[in-house]
N, C-alpha and C. Protein backbone atom coordinates (compact mmCIF):
# COMPACT_ATOMS: atom_id res chain seq x y z
N MET A 1 10.00 -17.20 10.62
CA MET A 1 11.08 -16.40 10.10
C MET A 1 10.98 -15.00 10.70
N LYS A 2 12.13 -14.39 10.91
CA LYS A 2 12.17 -13.02 11.41
C LYS A 2 12.39 -12.08 10.23
N TRP A 3 11.72 -10.95 10.30
CA TRP A 3 11.83 -9.89 9.30
C TRP A 3 12.18 -8.62 10.05
N ILE A 4 12.97 -7.75 9.43
CA ILE A 4 13.42 -6.53 10.13
C ILE A 4 13.34 -5.33 9.21
N THR A 5 12.94 -4.21 9.79
CA THR A 5 12.89 -2.95 9.06
C THR A 5 13.16 -1.79 10.03
N ARG A 6 13.16 -0.61 9.48
CA ARG A 6 13.41 0.59 10.27
C ARG A 6 12.22 0.88 11.19
N ALA A 7 12.52 1.42 12.34
CA ALA A 7 11.48 1.81 13.30
C ALA A 7 10.70 3.01 12.75
N ASN A 8 9.58 3.31 13.41
CA ASN A 8 8.69 4.41 13.06
C ASN A 8 8.01 4.13 11.72
N VAL A 9 7.30 3.01 11.66
CA VAL A 9 6.68 2.55 10.42
C VAL A 9 5.58 3.50 9.94
N LYS A 10 5.49 3.59 8.62
CA LYS A 10 4.40 4.34 8.00
C LYS A 10 3.79 3.44 6.93
N VAL A 11 3.57 3.92 5.74
CA VAL A 11 2.79 3.19 4.74
C VAL A 11 3.43 1.87 4.33
N ASP A 12 4.55 1.90 3.64
CA ASP A 12 5.16 0.68 3.09
C ASP A 12 5.59 -0.28 4.20
N ARG A 13 6.05 0.25 5.32
CA ARG A 13 6.51 -0.59 6.43
C ARG A 13 5.36 -1.09 7.31
N VAL A 14 4.14 -0.72 6.97
CA VAL A 14 2.94 -1.36 7.55
C VAL A 14 2.37 -2.34 6.51
N ALA A 15 2.31 -1.89 5.26
CA ALA A 15 1.76 -2.73 4.20
C ALA A 15 2.58 -4.00 4.00
N CYS A 16 3.90 -3.90 4.08
CA CYS A 16 4.75 -5.08 3.88
C CYS A 16 4.53 -6.15 4.96
N PRO A 17 4.54 -5.81 6.23
CA PRO A 17 4.22 -6.84 7.23
C PRO A 17 2.83 -7.45 7.04
N TRP A 18 1.86 -6.63 6.63
CA TRP A 18 0.52 -7.17 6.35
C TRP A 18 0.62 -8.22 5.23
N LEU A 19 1.30 -7.87 4.15
CA LEU A 19 1.45 -8.78 3.02
C LEU A 19 2.20 -10.05 3.42
N ILE A 20 3.28 -9.87 4.16
CA ILE A 20 4.08 -11.02 4.59
C ILE A 20 3.24 -11.97 5.44
N LEU A 21 2.54 -11.45 6.43
CA LEU A 21 1.73 -12.32 7.30
C LEU A 21 0.56 -12.97 6.56
N ARG A 22 -0.07 -12.24 5.67
CA ARG A 22 -1.27 -12.78 4.99
C ARG A 22 -0.94 -13.72 3.84
N PHE A 23 0.21 -13.51 3.15
CA PHE A 23 0.44 -14.24 1.91
C PHE A 23 1.81 -14.91 1.78
N ILE A 24 2.75 -14.63 2.67
CA ILE A 24 4.10 -15.16 2.51
C ILE A 24 4.53 -16.02 3.70
N ASP A 25 4.36 -15.51 4.91
CA ASP A 25 4.88 -16.18 6.10
C ASP A 25 3.94 -15.93 7.28
N ALA A 26 3.01 -16.85 7.48
CA ALA A 26 1.99 -16.67 8.52
C ALA A 26 2.57 -16.67 9.93
N GLN A 27 3.80 -17.14 10.09
CA GLN A 27 4.46 -17.18 11.40
C GLN A 27 5.49 -16.06 11.55
N ALA A 28 5.47 -15.08 10.68
CA ALA A 28 6.48 -14.02 10.68
C ALA A 28 6.55 -13.29 12.01
N GLU A 29 7.76 -12.93 12.37
CA GLU A 29 8.03 -12.09 13.54
C GLU A 29 8.74 -10.85 13.02
N PHE A 30 8.31 -9.66 13.46
CA PHE A 30 8.87 -8.42 12.95
C PHE A 30 9.69 -7.69 14.01
N LEU A 31 10.82 -7.19 13.58
CA LEU A 31 11.70 -6.39 14.42
C LEU A 31 11.77 -4.99 13.83
N PHE A 32 11.69 -3.99 14.69
CA PHE A 32 11.76 -2.60 14.27
C PHE A 32 12.93 -1.96 15.02
N VAL A 33 13.91 -1.47 14.28
CA VAL A 33 15.12 -0.95 14.90
C VAL A 33 15.51 0.39 14.26
N PRO A 34 16.32 1.17 14.97
CA PRO A 34 16.84 2.39 14.34
C PRO A 34 17.61 2.01 13.08
N GLU A 35 17.54 2.86 12.09
CA GLU A 35 18.14 2.56 10.78
C GLU A 35 19.61 2.17 10.88
N GLU A 36 20.36 2.87 11.72
CA GLU A 36 21.80 2.58 11.82
C GLU A 36 22.10 1.21 12.43
N GLU A 37 21.11 0.59 13.06
CA GLU A 37 21.29 -0.74 13.66
C GLU A 37 20.72 -1.87 12.80
N LEU A 38 20.11 -1.53 11.69
CA LEU A 38 19.36 -2.50 10.92
C LEU A 38 20.20 -3.66 10.39
N LEU A 39 21.28 -3.39 9.69
CA LEU A 39 22.06 -4.46 9.08
C LEU A 39 22.70 -5.37 10.12
N GLU A 40 23.27 -4.78 11.17
CA GLU A 40 23.90 -5.59 12.21
C GLU A 40 22.87 -6.45 12.94
N THR A 41 21.73 -5.87 13.27
CA THR A 41 20.68 -6.64 13.95
C THR A 41 20.14 -7.73 13.04
N ALA A 42 20.00 -7.44 11.76
CA ALA A 42 19.54 -8.45 10.81
C ALA A 42 20.50 -9.64 10.78
N ARG A 43 21.80 -9.37 10.75
CA ARG A 43 22.80 -10.46 10.76
C ARG A 43 22.73 -11.25 12.06
N ARG A 44 22.69 -10.54 13.17
CA ARG A 44 22.69 -11.18 14.48
C ARG A 44 21.44 -12.05 14.69
N GLU A 45 20.29 -11.55 14.24
CA GLU A 45 19.01 -12.24 14.47
C GLU A 45 18.65 -13.21 13.34
N GLY A 46 19.40 -13.18 12.25
CA GLY A 46 19.05 -14.01 11.09
C GLY A 46 17.74 -13.56 10.47
N ALA A 47 17.50 -12.25 10.48
CA ALA A 47 16.25 -11.67 9.99
C ALA A 47 16.40 -11.17 8.56
N ILE A 48 15.31 -11.19 7.83
CA ILE A 48 15.28 -10.68 6.46
C ILE A 48 14.99 -9.18 6.51
N PRO A 49 15.92 -8.36 6.04
CA PRO A 49 15.67 -6.91 6.05
C PRO A 49 14.79 -6.49 4.88
N PHE A 50 13.97 -5.47 5.11
CA PHE A 50 13.13 -4.93 4.04
C PHE A 50 12.90 -3.45 4.26
N ASP A 51 12.63 -2.75 3.17
CA ASP A 51 12.34 -1.31 3.15
C ASP A 51 13.37 -0.50 3.93
N ALA A 52 14.61 -0.62 3.48
CA ALA A 52 15.71 0.16 4.06
C ALA A 52 16.47 0.78 2.90
N THR A 53 15.89 1.81 2.32
CA THR A 53 16.38 2.36 1.05
C THR A 53 17.81 2.90 1.12
N ARG A 54 18.30 3.20 2.30
CA ARG A 54 19.66 3.70 2.43
C ARG A 54 20.70 2.62 2.19
N PHE A 55 20.27 1.37 2.25
CA PHE A 55 21.19 0.25 2.13
C PHE A 55 20.94 -0.52 0.83
N PRO A 56 21.80 -0.32 -0.18
CA PRO A 56 21.59 -1.01 -1.47
C PRO A 56 21.69 -2.53 -1.36
N GLU A 57 22.34 -3.05 -0.34
CA GLU A 57 22.47 -4.50 -0.19
C GLU A 57 21.19 -5.17 0.29
N VAL A 58 20.21 -4.37 0.70
CA VAL A 58 18.91 -4.93 1.11
C VAL A 58 18.11 -5.20 -0.17
N LYS A 59 17.81 -6.48 -0.41
CA LYS A 59 17.15 -6.89 -1.65
C LYS A 59 15.69 -6.43 -1.73
N LEU A 60 14.97 -6.53 -0.62
CA LEU A 60 13.55 -6.16 -0.60
C LEU A 60 13.43 -4.68 -0.27
N ASN A 61 13.46 -3.89 -1.33
CA ASN A 61 13.54 -2.44 -1.20
C ASN A 61 12.79 -1.79 -2.33
N HIS A 62 12.71 -0.47 -2.28
CA HIS A 62 12.17 0.28 -3.41
C HIS A 62 13.00 -0.06 -4.64
N ARG A 63 12.33 -0.12 -5.77
CA ARG A 63 13.00 -0.39 -7.05
C ARG A 63 12.52 0.65 -8.04
N GLY A 64 13.36 1.64 -8.27
CA GLY A 64 12.95 2.76 -9.11
C GLY A 64 11.80 3.48 -8.44
N GLU A 65 10.69 3.65 -9.18
CA GLU A 65 9.51 4.33 -8.64
C GLU A 65 8.62 3.39 -7.84
N ARG A 66 8.96 2.12 -7.84
CA ARG A 66 8.13 1.11 -7.18
C ARG A 66 8.54 0.95 -5.72
N CYS A 67 7.55 0.61 -4.88
CA CYS A 67 7.79 0.49 -3.44
C CYS A 67 8.16 -0.94 -3.07
N THR A 68 8.52 -1.14 -1.81
CA THR A 68 8.93 -2.45 -1.31
C THR A 68 7.79 -3.46 -1.39
N PHE A 69 6.57 -3.04 -1.18
CA PHE A 69 5.40 -3.92 -1.31
C PHE A 69 5.42 -4.57 -2.69
N GLU A 70 5.72 -3.79 -3.71
CA GLU A 70 5.78 -4.31 -5.08
C GLU A 70 6.96 -5.26 -5.26
N ALA A 71 8.07 -4.98 -4.59
CA ALA A 71 9.22 -5.89 -4.65
C ALA A 71 8.86 -7.25 -4.05
N LEU A 72 8.12 -7.24 -2.95
CA LEU A 72 7.67 -8.50 -2.35
C LEU A 72 6.76 -9.27 -3.30
N LEU A 73 5.83 -8.57 -3.94
CA LEU A 73 4.94 -9.24 -4.89
C LEU A 73 5.75 -9.91 -6.00
N GLU A 74 6.73 -9.18 -6.50
CA GLU A 74 7.57 -9.71 -7.58
C GLU A 74 8.41 -10.90 -7.11
N ASP A 75 9.13 -10.73 -6.02
CA ASP A 75 10.06 -11.76 -5.56
C ASP A 75 9.36 -13.03 -5.07
N TYR A 76 8.13 -12.90 -4.59
CA TYR A 76 7.39 -14.06 -4.10
C TYR A 76 6.30 -14.50 -5.08
N SER A 77 6.37 -13.97 -6.30
CA SER A 77 5.46 -14.38 -7.40
C SER A 77 4.00 -14.33 -7.00
N LEU A 78 3.59 -13.23 -6.39
CA LEU A 78 2.19 -13.03 -6.01
C LEU A 78 1.52 -12.20 -7.11
N SER A 79 0.60 -12.83 -7.82
CA SER A 79 0.00 -12.17 -8.98
C SER A 79 -1.49 -11.87 -8.82
N ASP A 80 -2.03 -12.05 -7.64
CA ASP A 80 -3.43 -11.77 -7.35
C ASP A 80 -3.76 -10.33 -7.80
N PRO A 81 -4.77 -10.15 -8.67
CA PRO A 81 -5.11 -8.79 -9.13
C PRO A 81 -5.43 -7.82 -8.00
N ALA A 82 -6.05 -8.29 -6.93
CA ALA A 82 -6.36 -7.40 -5.81
C ALA A 82 -5.08 -6.92 -5.13
N LEU A 83 -4.08 -7.80 -5.03
CA LEU A 83 -2.79 -7.38 -4.45
C LEU A 83 -2.08 -6.40 -5.38
N GLN A 84 -2.21 -6.61 -6.68
CA GLN A 84 -1.58 -5.70 -7.64
C GLN A 84 -2.20 -4.31 -7.52
N ARG A 85 -3.52 -4.24 -7.35
CA ARG A 85 -4.20 -2.95 -7.18
C ARG A 85 -3.80 -2.31 -5.85
N LEU A 86 -3.74 -3.11 -4.81
CA LEU A 86 -3.31 -2.61 -3.50
C LEU A 86 -1.89 -2.08 -3.58
N ALA A 87 -1.05 -2.73 -4.37
CA ALA A 87 0.33 -2.27 -4.54
C ALA A 87 0.38 -0.85 -5.10
N LEU A 88 -0.50 -0.54 -6.02
CA LEU A 88 -0.55 0.83 -6.57
C LEU A 88 -0.96 1.83 -5.51
N ILE A 89 -1.91 1.45 -4.67
CA ILE A 89 -2.36 2.33 -3.58
C ILE A 89 -1.19 2.58 -2.63
N VAL A 90 -0.49 1.52 -2.26
CA VAL A 90 0.65 1.65 -1.34
C VAL A 90 1.74 2.52 -1.98
N ARG A 91 2.06 2.26 -3.25
CA ARG A 91 3.08 3.07 -3.91
C ARG A 91 2.71 4.55 -3.91
N GLY A 92 1.49 4.85 -4.30
CA GLY A 92 1.07 6.25 -4.35
C GLY A 92 1.06 6.93 -3.00
N ALA A 93 0.78 6.17 -1.95
CA ALA A 93 0.77 6.72 -0.59
C ALA A 93 2.18 6.86 -0.04
N ASP A 94 3.09 5.98 -0.45
CA ASP A 94 4.43 5.92 0.13
C ASP A 94 5.48 6.71 -0.63
N VAL A 95 5.41 6.71 -1.93
CA VAL A 95 6.48 7.29 -2.76
C VAL A 95 6.09 8.69 -3.24
N GLN A 96 6.84 9.68 -2.80
CA GLN A 96 6.60 11.06 -3.22
C GLN A 96 6.64 11.13 -4.75
N GLY A 97 5.66 11.81 -5.34
CA GLY A 97 5.58 11.95 -6.78
C GLY A 97 4.77 10.86 -7.46
N GLN A 98 4.29 9.87 -6.69
CA GLN A 98 3.50 8.79 -7.27
C GLN A 98 2.03 8.87 -6.86
N GLU A 99 1.62 9.98 -6.31
CA GLU A 99 0.25 10.15 -5.81
C GLU A 99 -0.79 9.99 -6.91
N HIS A 100 -0.41 10.19 -8.16
CA HIS A 100 -1.33 10.14 -9.28
C HIS A 100 -1.78 8.74 -9.67
N VAL A 101 -1.15 7.69 -9.15
CA VAL A 101 -1.45 6.34 -9.63
C VAL A 101 -2.85 5.85 -9.28
N CYS A 102 -3.46 6.36 -8.22
CA CYS A 102 -4.86 6.04 -7.91
C CYS A 102 -5.38 6.99 -6.83
N CYS A 103 -6.69 7.07 -6.76
CA CYS A 103 -7.29 8.08 -5.89
C CYS A 103 -7.23 7.73 -4.40
N GLU A 104 -7.03 6.49 -4.03
CA GLU A 104 -6.98 6.11 -2.61
C GLU A 104 -5.68 6.49 -1.93
N CYS A 105 -4.67 6.82 -2.71
CA CYS A 105 -3.32 7.05 -2.18
C CYS A 105 -3.25 8.12 -1.09
N LEU A 106 -3.84 9.25 -1.37
CA LEU A 106 -3.72 10.36 -0.42
C LEU A 106 -4.44 10.05 0.89
N GLY A 107 -5.54 9.34 0.81
CA GLY A 107 -6.24 8.95 2.03
C GLY A 107 -5.41 7.99 2.88
N LEU A 108 -4.79 7.01 2.23
CA LEU A 108 -3.94 6.06 2.95
C LEU A 108 -2.74 6.77 3.57
N ARG A 109 -2.17 7.71 2.83
CA ARG A 109 -1.04 8.48 3.37
C ARG A 109 -1.46 9.26 4.61
N ALA A 110 -2.61 9.91 4.56
CA ALA A 110 -3.09 10.70 5.70
C ALA A 110 -3.35 9.80 6.91
N ILE A 111 -3.91 8.64 6.68
CA ILE A 111 -4.16 7.71 7.79
C ILE A 111 -2.85 7.27 8.42
N ALA A 112 -1.87 6.91 7.59
CA ALA A 112 -0.57 6.47 8.10
C ALA A 112 0.11 7.58 8.90
N GLN A 113 0.01 8.81 8.41
CA GLN A 113 0.61 9.94 9.13
C GLN A 113 -0.10 10.16 10.46
N GLY A 114 -1.41 10.00 10.46
CA GLY A 114 -2.16 10.13 11.71
C GLY A 114 -1.72 9.12 12.75
N PHE A 115 -1.54 7.88 12.34
CA PHE A 115 -1.04 6.86 13.28
C PHE A 115 0.37 7.20 13.74
N ALA A 116 1.20 7.72 12.84
CA ALA A 116 2.57 8.09 13.23
C ALA A 116 2.54 9.21 14.26
N PHE A 117 1.65 10.18 14.08
CA PHE A 117 1.55 11.29 15.02
C PHE A 117 0.97 10.87 16.37
N SER A 118 0.28 9.73 16.40
CA SER A 118 -0.37 9.31 17.65
C SER A 118 0.62 8.86 18.72
N GLY A 119 1.84 8.55 18.32
CA GLY A 119 2.85 8.17 19.28
C GLY A 119 2.80 6.73 19.75
N ILE A 120 1.96 5.91 19.12
CA ILE A 120 1.89 4.51 19.53
C ILE A 120 3.06 3.72 18.93
N SER A 121 3.34 2.56 19.50
CA SER A 121 4.47 1.75 19.06
C SER A 121 4.24 1.21 17.65
N ASP A 122 5.31 0.75 17.03
CA ASP A 122 5.20 0.16 15.70
C ASP A 122 4.29 -1.06 15.72
N GLU A 123 4.40 -1.88 16.75
CA GLU A 123 3.55 -3.06 16.87
C GLU A 123 2.07 -2.67 16.97
N GLU A 124 1.78 -1.61 17.73
CA GLU A 124 0.40 -1.14 17.84
C GLU A 124 -0.10 -0.59 16.51
N ARG A 125 0.77 0.08 15.78
CA ARG A 125 0.37 0.59 14.46
C ARG A 125 -0.04 -0.57 13.55
N LEU A 126 0.76 -1.64 13.55
CA LEU A 126 0.40 -2.80 12.72
C LEU A 126 -0.97 -3.34 13.14
N ALA A 127 -1.16 -3.51 14.44
CA ALA A 127 -2.42 -4.07 14.93
C ALA A 127 -3.61 -3.20 14.54
N LYS A 128 -3.45 -1.89 14.60
CA LYS A 128 -4.56 -0.99 14.30
C LYS A 128 -4.75 -0.77 12.80
N GLU A 129 -3.68 -0.86 12.01
CA GLU A 129 -3.79 -0.58 10.58
C GLU A 129 -4.05 -1.83 9.73
N PHE A 130 -3.72 -3.02 10.21
CA PHE A 130 -3.96 -4.23 9.42
C PHE A 130 -5.42 -4.36 8.97
N PRO A 131 -6.42 -4.06 9.82
CA PRO A 131 -7.80 -4.15 9.34
C PRO A 131 -8.08 -3.23 8.15
N LEU A 132 -7.40 -2.11 8.08
CA LEU A 132 -7.55 -1.21 6.94
C LEU A 132 -7.06 -1.88 5.66
N TYR A 133 -5.91 -2.55 5.74
CA TYR A 133 -5.38 -3.26 4.58
C TYR A 133 -6.25 -4.46 4.23
N ASP A 134 -6.79 -5.13 5.24
CA ASP A 134 -7.73 -6.22 4.96
C ASP A 134 -8.93 -5.69 4.17
N ALA A 135 -9.45 -4.55 4.58
CA ALA A 135 -10.61 -3.97 3.91
C ALA A 135 -10.27 -3.52 2.49
N LEU A 136 -9.12 -2.89 2.31
CA LEU A 136 -8.72 -2.48 0.96
C LEU A 136 -8.55 -3.70 0.07
N TYR A 137 -7.93 -4.74 0.59
CA TYR A 137 -7.76 -5.96 -0.19
C TYR A 137 -9.12 -6.54 -0.58
N GLU A 138 -10.01 -6.67 0.40
CA GLU A 138 -11.33 -7.25 0.12
C GLU A 138 -12.12 -6.41 -0.87
N SER A 139 -11.97 -5.09 -0.78
CA SER A 139 -12.72 -4.25 -1.72
C SER A 139 -12.28 -4.49 -3.16
N HIS A 140 -11.04 -4.86 -3.36
CA HIS A 140 -10.55 -5.14 -4.71
C HIS A 140 -10.68 -6.62 -5.06
N ALA A 141 -10.63 -7.50 -4.10
CA ALA A 141 -10.81 -8.93 -4.35
C ALA A 141 -12.26 -9.24 -4.71
N SER A 142 -13.18 -8.45 -4.16
CA SER A 142 -14.60 -8.68 -4.37
C SER A 142 -15.16 -7.81 -5.49
N PHE A 143 -14.32 -7.18 -6.24
CA PHE A 143 -14.75 -6.25 -7.28
C PHE A 143 -15.61 -6.96 -8.32
N ASP A 144 -16.77 -6.42 -8.52
CA ASP A 144 -17.71 -6.93 -9.53
C ASP A 144 -18.14 -5.75 -10.38
N PRO A 145 -17.69 -5.71 -11.64
CA PRO A 145 -18.01 -4.54 -12.47
C PRO A 145 -19.50 -4.30 -12.64
N LYS A 146 -20.33 -5.32 -12.46
CA LYS A 146 -21.78 -5.14 -12.60
C LYS A 146 -22.36 -4.42 -11.39
N ARG A 147 -21.65 -4.44 -10.26
CA ARG A 147 -22.15 -3.79 -9.06
C ARG A 147 -21.19 -2.71 -8.56
N SER A 148 -20.28 -2.30 -9.37
CA SER A 148 -19.24 -1.37 -8.91
C SER A 148 -19.77 0.04 -8.73
N SER A 149 -19.01 0.79 -8.01
CA SER A 149 -19.32 2.20 -7.82
C SER A 149 -18.31 3.03 -8.58
N CYS A 150 -18.09 2.65 -9.86
CA CYS A 150 -17.09 3.35 -10.67
C CYS A 150 -17.39 4.84 -10.77
N PHE A 151 -18.68 5.19 -10.90
CA PHE A 151 -19.00 6.61 -11.03
C PHE A 151 -18.54 7.36 -9.79
N ILE A 152 -18.83 6.81 -8.62
CA ILE A 152 -18.43 7.46 -7.37
C ILE A 152 -16.92 7.52 -7.27
N ARG A 153 -16.24 6.40 -7.55
CA ARG A 153 -14.79 6.35 -7.45
C ARG A 153 -14.14 7.34 -8.42
N GLU A 154 -14.59 7.34 -9.67
CA GLU A 154 -13.99 8.25 -10.64
C GLU A 154 -14.33 9.70 -10.33
N SER A 155 -15.51 9.95 -9.78
CA SER A 155 -15.85 11.31 -9.38
C SER A 155 -14.92 11.78 -8.26
N LEU A 156 -14.67 10.88 -7.28
CA LEU A 156 -13.74 11.21 -6.20
C LEU A 156 -12.35 11.48 -6.76
N CYS A 157 -11.91 10.64 -7.68
CA CYS A 157 -10.59 10.84 -8.29
C CYS A 157 -10.53 12.18 -9.01
N ALA A 158 -11.60 12.53 -9.70
CA ALA A 158 -11.63 13.81 -10.41
C ALA A 158 -11.52 14.97 -9.43
N VAL A 159 -12.22 14.86 -8.30
CA VAL A 159 -12.14 15.90 -7.28
C VAL A 159 -10.72 15.99 -6.75
N LEU A 160 -10.12 14.85 -6.49
CA LEU A 160 -8.75 14.84 -5.99
C LEU A 160 -7.78 15.44 -7.00
N ARG A 161 -8.08 15.25 -8.28
CA ARG A 161 -7.24 15.83 -9.32
C ARG A 161 -7.66 17.28 -9.64
N ARG A 162 -8.62 17.78 -8.87
CA ARG A 162 -9.15 19.14 -9.04
C ARG A 162 -9.76 19.35 -10.42
N GLU A 163 -10.43 18.32 -10.88
CA GLU A 163 -11.15 18.40 -12.14
C GLU A 163 -12.63 18.39 -11.82
N ARG A 164 -13.43 18.86 -12.75
CA ARG A 164 -14.86 18.89 -12.54
C ARG A 164 -15.52 17.82 -13.39
N VAL A 165 -16.45 17.09 -12.80
CA VAL A 165 -17.23 16.10 -13.54
C VAL A 165 -18.54 16.76 -13.95
N ARG A 166 -18.85 16.71 -15.22
CA ARG A 166 -20.09 17.30 -15.72
C ARG A 166 -21.27 16.39 -15.40
N PRO A 167 -22.31 16.92 -14.81
CA PRO A 167 -23.51 16.11 -14.59
C PRO A 167 -24.03 15.60 -15.93
N GLY A 168 -24.48 14.34 -15.95
CA GLY A 168 -25.04 13.77 -17.17
C GLY A 168 -24.01 13.34 -18.19
N SER A 169 -22.73 13.41 -17.84
CA SER A 169 -21.70 13.04 -18.82
C SER A 169 -21.26 11.60 -18.65
N ALA A 170 -22.00 10.83 -17.88
CA ALA A 170 -21.62 9.44 -17.64
C ALA A 170 -21.77 8.63 -18.92
N LYS A 171 -20.85 7.71 -19.13
CA LYS A 171 -20.91 6.81 -20.29
C LYS A 171 -21.06 5.39 -19.76
N ARG A 172 -21.86 4.60 -20.47
CA ARG A 172 -22.09 3.23 -20.05
C ARG A 172 -20.91 2.36 -20.48
N LEU A 173 -20.45 1.54 -19.54
CA LEU A 173 -19.38 0.59 -19.80
C LEU A 173 -19.98 -0.80 -19.91
N SER A 174 -19.19 -1.76 -20.36
CA SER A 174 -19.68 -3.13 -20.39
C SER A 174 -20.02 -3.55 -18.97
N GLY A 175 -21.04 -4.32 -18.82
CA GLY A 175 -21.47 -4.77 -17.50
C GLY A 175 -22.48 -3.82 -16.87
N GLY A 176 -22.82 -2.73 -17.53
CA GLY A 176 -23.84 -1.84 -17.02
C GLY A 176 -23.35 -0.76 -16.08
N SER A 177 -22.05 -0.71 -15.77
CA SER A 177 -21.55 0.32 -14.88
C SER A 177 -21.47 1.65 -15.62
N LYS A 178 -21.56 2.70 -14.87
CA LYS A 178 -21.41 4.03 -15.45
C LYS A 178 -20.12 4.65 -14.93
N ILE A 179 -19.52 5.44 -15.76
CA ILE A 179 -18.34 6.19 -15.34
C ILE A 179 -18.43 7.56 -15.97
N SER A 180 -18.08 8.55 -15.23
CA SER A 180 -18.12 9.91 -15.74
C SER A 180 -16.73 10.34 -16.15
N ARG A 181 -16.65 10.99 -17.25
CA ARG A 181 -15.36 11.48 -17.73
C ARG A 181 -15.17 12.92 -17.26
N PRO A 182 -13.98 13.25 -16.76
CA PRO A 182 -13.72 14.62 -16.33
C PRO A 182 -13.81 15.59 -17.50
N GLU A 183 -14.20 16.82 -17.18
CA GLU A 183 -14.17 17.85 -18.22
C GLU A 183 -12.74 18.09 -18.63
N GLY A 184 -12.53 18.53 -19.80
CA GLY A 184 -11.17 18.85 -20.15
C GLY A 184 -10.95 18.96 -21.54
C-alpha cells in the first residue's frame, strides 16, 4: 500500500511511517510531496494520506490535542502499552503545548529538528531516525518495574520541569523501585 504525507518530515511524520511499517503494513511505500500537491497526488497514486492538518478530509490526522500517531493507534486498534507510551512521547514532541505529557518529549523534538536542519532527504531521515523509535519502543516494551530507573527518569523530568528533587526524599514503590518526589 502507498501512504502519502507532506514533505520535510519531522516528529509525527517520522513516527507514523515507523508505526505503519512495524505494526500495520510491512510493505508500505511512502510518498512525500509539497502540501499543495498532497490530495491530488494521493488520488492519482491511490495512496492513504496522513498528517495533513490543513485538510479536514484526511482521516489520519491530528485529533484535538492528539497527534496522527495516536489516530493510527486508534484506527488500527493497536493497544500495546509500549506503543501507547510512545504515542505520548510523540505527541509531546510534535504538538505545541503538549510538552508536559512526558520528559522524553523535548529530547525527541530536538533530535527531529536536528535532522531537519541537516538537509537530508525525507527518506534518509526515516532511515536514520527509525532506530531511535525502535529503541524508544523497546525501552517501554521491556519495562520491568523491579529493575526500572524510575528515580533517574523522574529526576530528569523534575529538572526539565525546573523543579528540585530533595536528596533522600525517595519513596519506595511496589516492586522495590524508588521514585523521588519533587519539592513543592
